[in-house]
Amino acid sequence: MPNHSKGAGQNSPAKNPPFEEALQKLEAVVEAMELDDLPLETLLAKYEEGAKLVKICQEKLAEAELKIQQLEKTAGGELKLKPLDLAEE
């Protein structure tokens, strides 16, 4: 198989950027789409890149929300992460 390396074609889920970095990239993509007079092909590539970044941000926020929901206070008032029990459905 040929190895094509394009910026928008990076699909390595294990190498997702941190939330803040993904959000900054997404903001840059939106700004470029709004300000620049880009050809249709470039706009489509930017849209695809933006959609991937949105998905990464949503996944990171969902992970953070889950961790927050799992926090519990101990008797001493200290916060502790309780294990998630997926069997309780």
PDB file of N, CA and C in Angstrom:
ATOM      1  N   MET A   1       0.823  -1.180   0.000  1.00  0.00           N
ATOM      2  CA  MET A   1       0.000   0.000   0.000  1.00  0.00           C
ATOM      3  C   MET A   1       0.869   1.245   0.000  1.00  0.00           C
ATOM      4  N   PRO A   2       0.459   2.259  -0.776  1.00  0.00           N
ATOM      5  CA  PRO A   2       1.249   3.494  -0.759  1.00  0.00           C
ATOM      6  C   PRO A   2       1.038   4.262   0.528  1.00  0.00           C
ATOM      7  N   ASN A   3       2.069   4.937   0.956  1.00  0.00           N
ATOM      8  CA  ASN A   3       2.014   5.699   2.193  1.00  0.00           C
ATOM      9  C   ASN A   3       1.831   7.169   1.864  1.00  0.00           C
ATOM     10  N   HIS A   4       0.581   7.671   1.955  1.00  0.00           N
ATOM     11  CA  HIS A   4       0.295   9.067   1.711  1.00  0.00           C
ATOM     12  C   HIS A   4       0.299   9.793   3.041  1.00  0.00           C
ATOM     13  N   SER A   5       1.103  10.832   3.146  1.00  0.00           N
ATOM     14  CA  SER A   5       1.135  11.574   4.412  1.00  0.00           C
ATOM     15  C   SER A   5       0.654  12.992   4.160  1.00  0.00           C
ATOM     16  N   LYS A   6      -0.609  13.223   4.443  1.00  0.00           N
ATOM     17  CA  LYS A   6      -1.206  14.550   4.358  1.00  0.00           C
ATOM     18  C   LYS A   6      -1.557  14.998   5.762  1.00  0.00           C
ATOM     19  N   GLY A   7      -1.583  16.289   6.005  1.00  0.00           N
ATOM     20  CA  GLY A   7      -1.915  16.832   7.317  1.00  0.00           C
ATOM     21  C   GLY A   7      -3.302  16.439   7.780  1.00  0.00           C
ATOM     22  N   ALA A   8      -4.296  16.471   6.862  1.00  0.00           N
ATOM     23  CA  ALA A   8      -5.671  16.166   7.263  1.00  0.00           C
ATOM     24  C   ALA A   8      -5.923  14.673   7.331  1.00  0.00           C
ATOM     25  N   GLY A   9      -4.985  13.862   6.859  1.00  0.00           N
ATOM     26  CA  GLY A   9      -5.213  12.429   6.827  1.00  0.00           C
ATOM     27  C   GLY A   9      -4.621  11.677   7.993  1.00  0.00           C
ATOM     28  N   GLN A  10      -4.287  12.354   9.060  1.00  0.00           N
ATOM     29  CA  GLN A  10      -3.697  11.676  10.202  1.00  0.00           C
ATOM     30  C   GLN A  10      -4.810  11.075  11.044  1.00  0.00           C
ATOM     31  N   ASN A  11      -4.897   9.748  11.048  1.00  0.00           N
ATOM     32  CA  ASN A  11      -5.953   9.052  11.785  1.00  0.00           C
ATOM     33  C   ASN A  11      -5.360   8.161  12.855  1.00  0.00           C
ATOM     34  N   SER A  12      -4.566   8.696  13.740  1.00  0.00           N
ATOM     35  CA  SER A  12      -3.987   7.870  14.791  1.00  0.00           C
ATOM     36  C   SER A  12      -4.665   8.208  16.109  1.00  0.00           C
ATOM     37  N   PRO A  13      -5.695   7.411  16.501  1.00  0.00           N
ATOM     38  CA  PRO A  13      -6.420   7.713  17.722  1.00  0.00           C
ATOM     39  C   PRO A  13      -5.549   7.705  18.965  1.00  0.00           C
ATOM     40  N   ALA A  14      -4.469   6.928  18.964  1.00  0.00           N
ATOM     41  CA  ALA A  14      -3.597   6.867  20.133  1.00  0.00           C
ATOM     42  C   ALA A  14      -2.779   8.151  20.255  1.00  0.00           C
ATOM     43  N   LYS A  15      -2.712   8.963  19.205  1.00  0.00           N
ATOM     44  CA  LYS A  15      -1.889  10.168  19.182  1.00  0.00           C
ATOM     45  C   LYS A  15      -2.755  11.426  19.152  1.00  0.00           C
ATOM     46  N   ASN A  16      -3.935  11.378  19.761  1.00  0.00           N
ATOM     47  CA  ASN A  16      -4.797  12.551  19.810  1.00  0.00           C
ATOM     48  C   ASN A  16      -4.137  13.643  20.640  1.00  0.00           C
ATOM     49  N   PRO A  17      -4.255  14.898  20.171  1.00  0.00           N
ATOM     50  CA  PRO A  17      -3.670  16.001  20.936  1.00  0.00           C
ATOM     51  C   PRO A  17      -4.471  16.261  22.205  1.00  0.00           C
ATOM     52  N   PRO A  18      -3.865  16.948  23.163  1.00  0.00           N
ATOM     53  CA  PRO A  18      -4.613  17.325  24.368  1.00  0.00           C
ATOM     54  C   PRO A  18      -5.773  18.247  23.982  1.00  0.00           C
ATOM     55  N   PHE A  19      -6.761  18.366  24.862  1.00  0.00           N
ATOM     56  CA  PHE A  19      -7.963  19.147  24.584  1.00  0.00           C
ATOM     57  C   PHE A  19      -7.631  20.571  24.149  1.00  0.00           C
ATOM     58  N   GLU A  20      -6.780  21.246  24.904  1.00  0.00           N
ATOM     59  CA  GLU A  20      -6.474  22.648  24.621  1.00  0.00           C
ATOM     60  C   GLU A  20      -5.851  22.808  23.239  1.00  0.00           C
ATOM     61  N   GLU A  21      -4.955  21.894  22.867  1.00  0.00           N
ATOM     62  CA  GLU A  21      -4.307  21.954  21.561  1.00  0.00           C
ATOM     63  C   GLU A  21      -5.322  21.703  20.448  1.00  0.00           C
ATOM     64  N   ALA A  22      -6.193  20.721  20.629  1.00  0.00           N
ATOM     65  CA  ALA A  22      -7.219  20.427  19.630  1.00  0.00           C
ATOM     66  C   ALA A  22      -8.163  21.616  19.471  1.00  0.00           C
ATOM     67  N   LEU A  23      -8.516  22.265  20.579  1.00  0.00           N
ATOM     68  CA  LEU A  23      -9.407  23.418  20.534  1.00  0.00           C
ATOM     69  C   LEU A  23      -8.743  24.586  19.804  1.00  0.00           C
ATOM     70  N   GLN A  24      -7.462  24.813  20.054  1.00  0.00           N
ATOM     71  CA  GLN A  24      -6.737  25.886  19.366  1.00  0.00           C
ATOM     72  C   GLN A  24      -6.683  25.622  17.864  1.00  0.00           C
ATOM     73  N   LYS A  25      -6.411  24.373  17.499  1.00  0.00           N
ATOM     74  CA  LYS A  25      -6.371  24.022  16.079  1.00  0.00           C
ATOM     75  C   LYS A  25      -7.744  24.211  15.435  1.00  0.00           C
ATOM     76  N   LEU A  26      -8.790  23.822  16.160  1.00  0.00           N
ATOM     77  CA  LEU A  26     -10.145  23.979  15.655  1.00  0.00           C
ATOM     78  C   LEU A  26     -10.473  25.457  15.444  1.00  0.00           C
ATOM     79  N   GLU A  27     -10.099  26.296  16.397  1.00  0.00           N
ATOM     80  CA  GLU A  27     -10.330  27.736  16.255  1.00  0.00           C
ATOM     81  C   GLU A  27      -9.589  28.294  15.044  1.00  0.00           C
ATOM     82  N   ALA A  28      -8.366  27.818  14.806  1.00  0.00           N
ATOM     83  CA  ALA A  28      -7.589  28.276  13.656  1.00  0.00           C
ATOM     84  C   ALA A  28      -8.254  27.842  12.350  1.00  0.00           C
ATOM     85  N   VAL A  29      -8.781  26.630  12.314  1.00  0.00           N
ATOM     86  CA  VAL A  29      -9.463  26.125  11.124  1.00  0.00           C
ATOM     87  C   VAL A  29     -10.693  26.975  10.831  1.00  0.00           C
ATOM     88  N   VAL A  30     -11.497  27.249  11.853  1.00  0.00           N
ATOM     89  CA  VAL A  30     -12.709  28.056  11.682  1.00  0.00           C
ATOM     90  C   VAL A  30     -12.352  29.451  11.202  1.00  0.00           C
ATOM     91  N   GLU A  31     -11.330  30.047  11.812  1.00  0.00           N
ATOM     92  CA  GLU A  31     -10.912  31.392  11.416  1.00  0.00           C
ATOM     93  C   GLU A  31     -10.457  31.417   9.959  1.00  0.00           C
ATOM     94  N   ALA A  32      -9.681  30.416   9.552  1.00  0.00           N
ATOM     95  CA  ALA A  32      -9.212  30.353   8.161  1.00  0.00           C
ATOM     96  C   ALA A  32     -10.379  30.203   7.196  1.00  0.00           C
ATOM     97  N   MET A  33     -11.368  29.404   7.591  1.00  0.00           N
ATOM     98  CA  MET A  33     -12.528  29.206   6.722  1.00  0.00           C
ATOM     99  C   MET A  33     -13.367  30.483   6.617  1.00  0.00           C
ATOM    100  N   GLU A  34     -13.428  31.251   7.688  1.00  0.00           N
ATOM    101  CA  GLU A  34     -14.222  32.480   7.688  1.00  0.00           C
ATOM    102  C   GLU A  34     -13.524  33.627   6.967  1.00  0.00           C
ATOM    103  N   LEU A  35     -12.215  33.757   7.125  1.00  0.00           N
ATOM    104  CA  LEU A  35     -11.495  34.917   6.612  1.00  0.00           C
ATOM    105  C   LEU A  35     -10.924  34.723   5.210  1.00  0.00           C
ATOM    106  N   ASP A  36     -10.436  33.558   4.906  1.00  0.00           N
ATOM    107  CA  ASP A  36      -9.753  33.331   3.638  1.00  0.00           C
ATOM    108  C   ASP A  36     -10.748  33.006   2.536  1.00  0.00           C
ATOM    109  N   ASP A  37     -10.395  33.402   1.322  1.00  0.00           N
ATOM    110  CA  ASP A  37     -11.180  33.058   0.146  1.00  0.00           C
ATOM    111  C   ASP A  37     -10.550  31.793  -0.436  1.00  0.00           C
ATOM    112  N   LEU A  38     -10.937  30.650   0.124  1.00  0.00           N
ATOM    113  CA  LEU A  38     -10.308  29.382  -0.207  1.00  0.00           C
ATOM    114  C   LEU A  38     -11.063  28.660  -1.323  1.00  0.00           C
ATOM    115  N   PRO A  39     -10.335  27.900  -2.126  1.00  0.00           N
ATOM    116  CA  PRO A  39     -11.013  27.073  -3.127  1.00  0.00           C
ATOM    117  C   PRO A  39     -11.827  25.964  -2.444  1.00  0.00           C
ATOM    118  N   LEU A  40     -12.799  25.446  -3.154  1.00  0.00           N
ATOM    119  CA  LEU A  40     -13.717  24.449  -2.595  1.00  0.00           C
ATOM    120  C   LEU A  40     -12.981  23.245  -2.023  1.00  0.00           C
ATOM    121  N   GLU A  41     -11.972  22.757  -2.721  1.00  0.00           N
ATOM    122  CA  GLU A  41     -11.240  21.576  -2.241  1.00  0.00           C
ATOM    123  C   GLU A  41     -10.572  21.849  -0.904  1.00  0.00           C
ATOM    124  N   THR A  42     -10.024  23.043  -0.757  1.00  0.00           N
ATOM    125  CA  THR A  42      -9.371  23.411   0.498  1.00  0.00           C
ATOM    126  C   THR A  42     -10.402  23.565   1.609  1.00  0.00           C
ATOM    127  N   LEU A  43     -11.545  24.169   1.287  1.00  0.00           N
ATOM    128  CA  LEU A  43     -12.612  24.296   2.275  1.00  0.00           C
ATOM    129  C   LEU A  43     -13.085  22.934   2.759  1.00  0.00           C
ATOM    130  N   LEU A  44     -13.219  21.991   1.841  1.00  0.00           N
ATOM    131  CA  LEU A  44     -13.651  20.642   2.225  1.00  0.00           C
ATOM    132  C   LEU A  44     -12.618  19.978   3.128  1.00  0.00           C
ATOM    133  N   ALA A  45     -11.342  20.151   2.804  1.00  0.00           N
ATOM    134  CA  ALA A  45     -10.284  19.571   3.634  1.00  0.00           C
ATOM    135  C   ALA A  45     -10.290  20.207   5.029  1.00  0.00           C
ATOM    136  N   LYS A  46     -10.481  21.534   5.086  1.00  0.00           N
ATOM    137  CA  LYS A  46     -10.542  22.223   6.380  1.00  0.00           C
ATOM    138  C   LYS A  46     -11.758  21.749   7.174  1.00  0.00           C
ATOM    139  N   TYR A  47     -12.897  21.576   6.483  1.00  0.00           N
ATOM    140  CA  TYR A  47     -14.106  21.101   7.159  1.00  0.00           C
ATOM    141  C   TYR A  47     -13.881  19.716   7.753  1.00  0.00           C
ATOM    142  N   GLU A  48     -13.235  18.834   6.969  1.00  0.00           N
ATOM    143  CA  GLU A  48     -12.956  17.478   7.454  1.00  0.00           C
ATOM    144  C   GLU A  48     -12.019  17.518   8.661  1.00  0.00           C
ATOM    145  N   GLU A  49     -10.990  18.353   8.591  1.00  0.00           N
ATOM    146  CA  GLU A  49     -10.061  18.489   9.719  1.00  0.00           C
ATOM    147  C   GLU A  49     -10.800  19.016  10.949  1.00  0.00           C
ATOM    148  N   GLY A  50     -11.670  20.006  10.747  1.00  0.00           N
ATOM    149  CA  GLY A  50     -12.443  20.569  11.849  1.00  0.00           C
ATOM    150  C   GLY A  50     -13.367  19.545  12.481  1.00  0.00           C
ATOM    151  N   ALA A  51     -14.001  18.718  11.651  1.00  0.00           N
ATOM    152  CA  ALA A  51     -14.905  17.686  12.168  1.00  0.00           C
ATOM    153  C   ALA A  51     -14.147  16.689  13.045  1.00  0.00           C
ATOM    154  N   LYS A  52     -12.937  16.327  12.628  1.00  0.00           N
ATOM    155  CA  LYS A  52     -12.122  15.408  13.430  1.00  0.00           C
ATOM    156  C   LYS A  52     -11.733  16.049  14.759  1.00  0.00           C
ATOM    157  N   LEU A  53     -11.387  17.334  14.714  1.00  0.00           N
ATOM    158  CA  LEU A  53     -11.006  18.034  15.939  1.00  0.00           C
ATOM    159  C   LEU A  53     -12.192  18.178  16.885  1.00  0.00           C
ATOM    160  N   VAL A  54     -13.383  18.419  16.338  1.00  0.00           N
ATOM    161  CA  VAL A  54     -14.586  18.497  17.171  1.00  0.00           C
ATOM    162  C   VAL A  54     -14.806  17.166  17.882  1.00  0.00           C
ATOM    163  N   LYS A  55     -14.635  16.075  17.157  1.00  0.00           N
ATOM    164  CA  LYS A  55     -14.825  14.748  17.760  1.00  0.00           C
ATOM    165  C   LYS A  55     -13.823  14.518  18.894  1.00  0.00           C
ATOM    166  N   ILE A  56     -12.575  14.902  18.675  1.00  0.00           N
ATOM    167  CA  ILE A  56     -11.544  14.750  19.710  1.00  0.00           C
ATOM    168  C   ILE A  56     -11.929  15.563  20.946  1.00  0.00           C
ATOM    169  N   CYS A  57     -12.362  16.817  20.739  1.00  0.00           N
ATOM    170  CA  CYS A  57     -12.747  17.681  21.868  1.00  0.00           C
ATOM    171  C   CYS A  57     -13.936  17.092  22.620  1.00  0.00           C
ATOM    172  N   GLN A  58     -14.925  16.593  21.884  1.00  0.00           N
ATOM    173  CA  GLN A  58     -16.091  15.994  22.536  1.00  0.00           C
ATOM    174  C   GLN A  58     -15.705  14.774  23.356  1.00  0.00           C
ATOM    175  N   GLU A  59     -14.806  13.939  22.832  1.00  0.00           N
ATOM    176  CA  GLU A  59     -14.368  12.752  23.569  1.00  0.00           C
ATOM    177  C   GLU A  59     -13.624  13.144  24.841  1.00  0.00           C
ATOM    178  N   LYS A  60     -12.749  14.163  24.730  1.00  0.00           N
ATOM    179  CA  LYS A  60     -11.994  14.608  25.909  1.00  0.00           C
ATOM    180  C   LYS A  60     -12.933  15.176  26.976  1.00  0.00           C
ATOM    181  N   LEU A  61     -13.939  15.950  26.550  1.00  0.00           N
ATOM    182  CA  LEU A  61     -14.897  16.506  27.504  1.00  0.00           C
ATOM    183  C   LEU A  61     -15.728  15.405  28.152  1.00  0.00           C
ATOM    184  N   ALA A  62     -16.110  14.388  27.388  1.00  0.00           N
ATOM    185  CA  ALA A  62     -16.882  13.273  27.947  1.00  0.00           C
ATOM    186  C   ALA A  62     -16.052  12.513  28.977  1.00  0.00           C
ATOM    187  N   GLU A  63     -14.753  12.322  28.701  1.00  0.00           N
ATOM    188  CA  GLU A  63     -13.871  11.656  29.661  1.00  0.00           C
ATOM    189  C   GLU A  63     -13.774  12.466  30.954  1.00  0.00           C
ATOM    190  N   ALA A  64     -13.624  13.781  30.807  1.00  0.00           N
ATOM    191  CA  ALA A  64     -13.521  14.641  31.989  1.00  0.00           C
ATOM    192  C   ALA A  64     -14.819  14.609  32.790  1.00  0.00           C
ATOM    193  N   GLU A  65     -15.946  14.646  32.105  1.00  0.00           N
ATOM    194  CA  GLU A  65     -17.242  14.599  32.795  1.00  0.00           C
ATOM    195  C   GLU A  65     -17.406  13.292  33.563  1.00  0.00           C
ATOM    196  N   LEU A  66     -16.986  12.192  32.958  1.00  0.00           N
ATOM    197  CA  LEU A  66     -17.077  10.898  33.626  1.00  0.00           C
ATOM    198  C   LEU A  66     -16.226  10.868  34.887  1.00  0.00           C
ATOM    199  N   LYS A  67     -15.009  11.421  34.808  1.00  0.00           N
ATOM    200  CA  LYS A  67     -14.140  11.456  35.986  1.00  0.00           C
ATOM    201  C   LYS A  67     -14.755  12.306  37.093  1.00  0.00           C
ATOM    202  N   ILE A  68     -15.352  13.428  36.699  1.00  0.00           N
ATOM    203  CA  ILE A  68     -15.982  14.296  37.702  1.00  0.00           C
ATOM    204  C   ILE A  68     -17.135  13.567  38.377  1.00  0.00           C
ATOM    205  N   GLN A  69     -17.922  12.832  37.594  1.00  0.00           N
ATOM    206  CA  GLN A  69     -19.047  12.090  38.152  1.00  0.00           C
ATOM    207  C   GLN A  69     -18.582  10.980  39.090  1.00  0.00           C
ATOM    208  N   GLN A  70     -17.365  10.499  38.908  1.00  0.00           N
ATOM    209  CA  GLN A  70     -16.860   9.398  39.719  1.00  0.00           C
ATOM    210  C   GLN A  70     -16.215   9.883  41.018  1.00  0.00           C
ATOM    211  N   LEU A  71     -16.004  11.183  41.155  1.00  0.00           N
ATOM    212  CA  LEU A  71     -15.393  11.693  42.376  1.00  0.00           C
ATOM    213  C   LEU A  71     -16.359  11.560  43.539  1.00  0.00           C
ATOM    214  N   GLU A  72     -15.860  11.146  44.660  1.00  0.00           N
ATOM    215  CA  GLU A  72     -16.684  11.054  45.862  1.00  0.00           C
ATOM    216  C   GLU A  72     -15.878  11.575  47.033  1.00  0.00           C
ATOM    217  N   LYS A  73     -16.579  12.092  48.008  1.00  0.00           N
ATOM    218  CA  LYS A  73     -15.909  12.587  49.212  1.00  0.00           C
ATOM    219  C   LYS A  73     -15.788  11.460  50.219  1.00  0.00           C
ATOM    220  N   THR A  74     -14.634  11.380  50.837  1.00  0.00           N
ATOM    221  CA  THR A  74     -14.428  10.409  51.905  1.00  0.00           C
ATOM    222  C   THR A  74     -14.927  11.023  53.207  1.00  0.00           C
ATOM    223  N   ALA A  75     -14.917  10.252  54.278  1.00  0.00           N
ATOM    224  CA  ALA A  75     -15.379  10.729  55.577  1.00  0.00           C
ATOM    225  C   ALA A  75     -14.567  11.935  56.054  1.00  0.00           C
ATOM    226  N   GLY A  76     -13.319  11.997  55.679  1.00  0.00           N
ATOM    227  CA  GLY A  76     -12.455  13.101  56.087  1.00  0.00           C
ATOM    228  C   GLY A  76     -12.602  14.332  55.206  1.00  0.00           C
ATOM    229  N   GLY A  77     -13.539  14.303  54.253  1.00  0.00           N
ATOM    230  CA  GLY A  77     -13.759  15.438  53.377  1.00  0.00           C
ATOM    231  C   GLY A  77     -12.826  15.475  52.186  1.00  0.00           C
ATOM    232  N   GLU A  78     -12.060  14.428  52.005  1.00  0.00           N
ATOM    233  CA  GLU A  78     -11.097  14.367  50.919  1.00  0.00           C
ATOM    234  C   GLU A  78     -11.769  13.758  49.680  1.00  0.00           C
ATOM    235  N   LEU A  79     -11.495  14.324  48.501  1.00  0.00           N
ATOM    236  CA  LEU A  79     -12.067  13.798  47.265  1.00  0.00           C
ATOM    237  C   LEU A  79     -11.262  12.596  46.795  1.00  0.00           C
ATOM    238  N   LYS A  80     -11.959  11.585  46.328  1.00  0.00           N
ATOM    239  CA  LYS A  80     -11.313  10.352  45.892  1.00  0.00           C
ATOM    240  C   LYS A  80     -12.044   9.854  44.653  1.00  0.00           C
ATOM    241  N   LEU A  81     -11.300   9.350  43.678  1.00  0.00           N
ATOM    242  CA  LEU A  81     -11.900   8.812  42.461  1.00  0.00           C
ATOM    243  C   LEU A  81     -12.350   7.390  42.731  1.00  0.00           C
ATOM    244  N   LYS A  82     -13.658   7.161  42.578  1.00  0.00           N
ATOM    245  CA  LYS A  82     -14.166   5.813  42.822  1.00  0.00           C
ATOM    246  C   LYS A  82     -14.122   5.025  41.514  1.00  0.00           C
ATOM    247  N   PRO A  83     -13.917   3.730  41.568  1.00  0.00           N
ATOM    248  CA  PRO A  83     -13.848   2.919  40.340  1.00  0.00           C
ATOM    249  C   PRO A  83     -15.214   2.873  39.657  1.00  0.00           C
ATOM    250  N   LEU A  84     -15.187   2.897  38.326  1.00  0.00           N
ATOM    251  CA  LEU A  84     -16.419   2.835  37.543  1.00  0.00           C
ATOM    252  C   LEU A  84     -16.856   1.390  37.439  1.00  0.00           C
ATOM    253  N   ASP A  85     -18.101   1.123  37.809  1.00  0.00           N
ATOM    254  CA  ASP A  85     -18.648  -0.243  37.720  1.00  0.00           C
ATOM    255  C   ASP A  85     -19.604  -0.294  36.535  1.00  0.00           C
ATOM    256  N   LEU A  86     -19.130  -0.794  35.391  1.00  0.00           N
ATOM    257  CA  LEU A  86     -19.940  -0.857  34.189  1.00  0.00           C
ATOM    258  C   LEU A  86     -20.954  -2.005  34.229  1.00  0.00           C
ATOM    259  N   ALA A  87     -20.853  -2.891  35.201  1.00  0.00           N
ATOM    260  CA  ALA A  87     -21.749  -4.053  35.298  1.00  0.00           C
ATOM    261  C   ALA A  87     -23.125  -3.649  35.818  1.00  0.00           C
ATOM    262  N   GLU A  88     -23.255  -2.442  36.372  1.00  0.00           N
ATOM    263  CA  GLU A  88     -24.515  -1.999  36.957  1.00  0.00           C
ATOM    264  C   GLU A  88     -25.432  -1.360  35.928  1.00  0.00           C
ATOM    265  N   GLU A  89     -25.739  -2.006  34.831  1.00  0.00           N
ATOM    266  CA  GLU A  89     -26.624  -1.414  33.814  1.00  0.00           C
ATOM    267  C   GLU A  89     -27.882  -2.147  33.676  1.00  0.00           C
TER     268      GLU A  89
END
